[in-house]
N, C-alpha and C. Protein backbone atom coordinates (compact mmCIF):
# COMPACT_ATOMS: atom_id res chain seq x y z
N MET A 1 -3.02 28.61 -37.25
CA MET A 1 -3.40 29.17 -35.98
C MET A 1 -4.65 30.03 -36.16
N ILE A 2 -5.49 30.05 -35.15
CA ILE A 2 -6.73 30.82 -35.22
C ILE A 2 -6.43 32.29 -34.93
N ASP A 3 -6.97 33.15 -35.76
CA ASP A 3 -6.81 34.58 -35.55
C ASP A 3 -7.87 35.05 -34.56
N VAL A 4 -7.46 35.22 -33.31
CA VAL A 4 -8.40 35.56 -32.23
C VAL A 4 -8.95 36.97 -32.41
N ILE A 5 -8.21 37.83 -33.04
CA ILE A 5 -8.63 39.22 -33.20
C ILE A 5 -9.89 39.31 -34.06
N SER A 6 -10.10 38.33 -34.93
CA SER A 6 -11.26 38.39 -35.81
C SER A 6 -12.56 38.01 -35.10
N PHE A 7 -12.46 37.44 -33.90
CA PHE A 7 -13.67 37.08 -33.16
C PHE A 7 -14.28 38.32 -32.49
N PRO A 8 -15.59 38.31 -32.30
CA PRO A 8 -16.22 39.42 -31.57
C PRO A 8 -15.72 39.47 -30.12
N PRO A 9 -15.81 40.62 -29.48
CA PRO A 9 -15.33 40.76 -28.10
C PRO A 9 -15.96 39.77 -27.12
N VAL A 10 -17.22 39.45 -27.31
CA VAL A 10 -17.88 38.51 -26.41
C VAL A 10 -17.23 37.13 -26.50
N VAL A 11 -16.91 36.71 -27.71
CA VAL A 11 -16.27 35.41 -27.91
C VAL A 11 -14.85 35.43 -27.36
N GLN A 12 -14.14 36.52 -27.54
CA GLN A 12 -12.80 36.65 -26.98
C GLN A 12 -12.83 36.54 -25.47
N ALA A 13 -13.80 37.20 -24.84
CA ALA A 13 -13.93 37.14 -23.38
C ALA A 13 -14.26 35.73 -22.93
N ALA A 14 -15.15 35.06 -23.63
CA ALA A 14 -15.51 33.69 -23.28
C ALA A 14 -14.31 32.76 -23.42
N LEU A 15 -13.54 32.92 -24.48
CA LEU A 15 -12.33 32.11 -24.66
C LEU A 15 -11.33 32.34 -23.54
N LEU A 16 -11.18 33.58 -23.13
CA LEU A 16 -10.26 33.89 -22.04
C LEU A 16 -10.71 33.22 -20.75
N VAL A 17 -12.00 33.28 -20.46
CA VAL A 17 -12.54 32.64 -19.26
C VAL A 17 -12.31 31.14 -19.31
N VAL A 18 -12.55 30.53 -20.45
CA VAL A 18 -12.35 29.08 -20.59
C VAL A 18 -10.88 28.73 -20.41
N ILE A 19 -10.00 29.50 -21.00
CA ILE A 19 -8.56 29.23 -20.87
C ILE A 19 -8.12 29.34 -19.41
N VAL A 20 -8.59 30.35 -18.71
CA VAL A 20 -8.22 30.53 -17.31
C VAL A 20 -8.77 29.38 -16.47
N LEU A 21 -10.00 28.95 -16.74
CA LEU A 21 -10.57 27.83 -15.98
C LEU A 21 -9.82 26.53 -16.24
N VAL A 22 -9.45 26.29 -17.49
CA VAL A 22 -8.69 25.07 -17.81
C VAL A 22 -7.33 25.10 -17.11
N GLU A 23 -6.70 26.26 -17.11
CA GLU A 23 -5.41 26.39 -16.42
C GLU A 23 -5.57 26.16 -14.92
N ALA A 24 -6.62 26.70 -14.33
CA ALA A 24 -6.85 26.52 -12.90
C ALA A 24 -7.09 25.06 -12.55
N VAL A 25 -7.87 24.37 -13.35
CA VAL A 25 -8.13 22.94 -13.10
C VAL A 25 -6.83 22.14 -13.25
N GLY A 26 -6.05 22.45 -14.24
CA GLY A 26 -4.78 21.76 -14.43
C GLY A 26 -3.83 21.97 -13.27
N LEU A 27 -3.72 23.20 -12.80
CA LEU A 27 -2.86 23.48 -11.65
C LEU A 27 -3.38 22.81 -10.39
N TYR A 28 -4.69 22.82 -10.19
CA TYR A 28 -5.30 22.19 -9.02
C TYR A 28 -4.99 20.69 -9.03
N ALA A 29 -5.18 20.05 -10.16
CA ALA A 29 -4.91 18.60 -10.27
C ALA A 29 -3.42 18.32 -10.13
N GLY A 30 -2.60 19.13 -10.75
CA GLY A 30 -1.16 18.93 -10.68
C GLY A 30 -0.61 19.08 -9.28
N TYR A 31 -1.01 20.14 -8.59
CA TYR A 31 -0.54 20.34 -7.23
C TYR A 31 -1.12 19.31 -6.28
N GLY A 32 -2.34 18.85 -6.54
CA GLY A 32 -2.94 17.79 -5.73
C GLY A 32 -2.16 16.50 -5.87
N ALA A 33 -1.79 16.14 -7.09
CA ALA A 33 -1.00 14.93 -7.31
C ALA A 33 0.39 15.07 -6.69
N LEU A 34 0.98 16.22 -6.85
CA LEU A 34 2.30 16.46 -6.27
C LEU A 34 2.26 16.37 -4.75
N GLU A 35 1.23 16.92 -4.15
CA GLU A 35 1.08 16.87 -2.70
C GLU A 35 0.85 15.44 -2.23
N ARG A 36 0.11 14.67 -2.99
CA ARG A 36 -0.16 13.28 -2.64
C ARG A 36 1.13 12.46 -2.68
N VAL A 37 2.01 12.76 -3.64
CA VAL A 37 3.26 12.01 -3.79
C VAL A 37 4.30 12.46 -2.76
N LEU A 38 4.48 13.76 -2.61
CA LEU A 38 5.55 14.28 -1.77
C LEU A 38 5.11 14.65 -0.36
N GLY A 39 3.82 14.77 -0.13
CA GLY A 39 3.33 15.23 1.17
C GLY A 39 3.78 14.40 2.35
N PRO A 40 3.61 13.09 2.32
CA PRO A 40 4.00 12.29 3.48
C PRO A 40 5.49 12.41 3.84
N SER A 41 6.36 12.43 2.85
CA SER A 41 7.80 12.53 3.16
C SER A 41 8.13 13.92 3.72
N ILE A 42 7.47 14.94 3.24
CA ILE A 42 7.72 16.29 3.76
C ILE A 42 7.22 16.40 5.19
N ILE A 43 6.03 15.87 5.47
CA ILE A 43 5.49 15.90 6.83
C ILE A 43 6.41 15.13 7.78
N GLU A 44 6.88 13.98 7.34
CA GLU A 44 7.78 13.17 8.17
C GLU A 44 9.08 13.94 8.46
N THR A 45 9.62 14.60 7.45
CA THR A 45 10.85 15.37 7.63
C THR A 45 10.65 16.51 8.61
N VAL A 46 9.53 17.21 8.50
CA VAL A 46 9.25 18.34 9.39
C VAL A 46 9.05 17.84 10.82
N GLU A 47 8.38 16.72 10.99
CA GLU A 47 8.13 16.19 12.33
C GLU A 47 9.41 15.73 13.00
N ASN A 48 10.38 15.29 12.23
CA ASN A 48 11.64 14.78 12.79
C ASN A 48 12.66 15.88 13.05
N VAL A 49 12.38 17.11 12.68
CA VAL A 49 13.34 18.19 12.88
C VAL A 49 13.23 18.78 14.25
């Protein structure tokens, strides 16, 4: 495992930003796919209530 503490603060900050961006893209894609799969059935259920 990489010892993050040994990196300079600037590199640590950059790594944190990259990790957050990768997580955001993953969540965006995941929720988009989930909405595409489940969205029509949920909309249909709500309209029929």
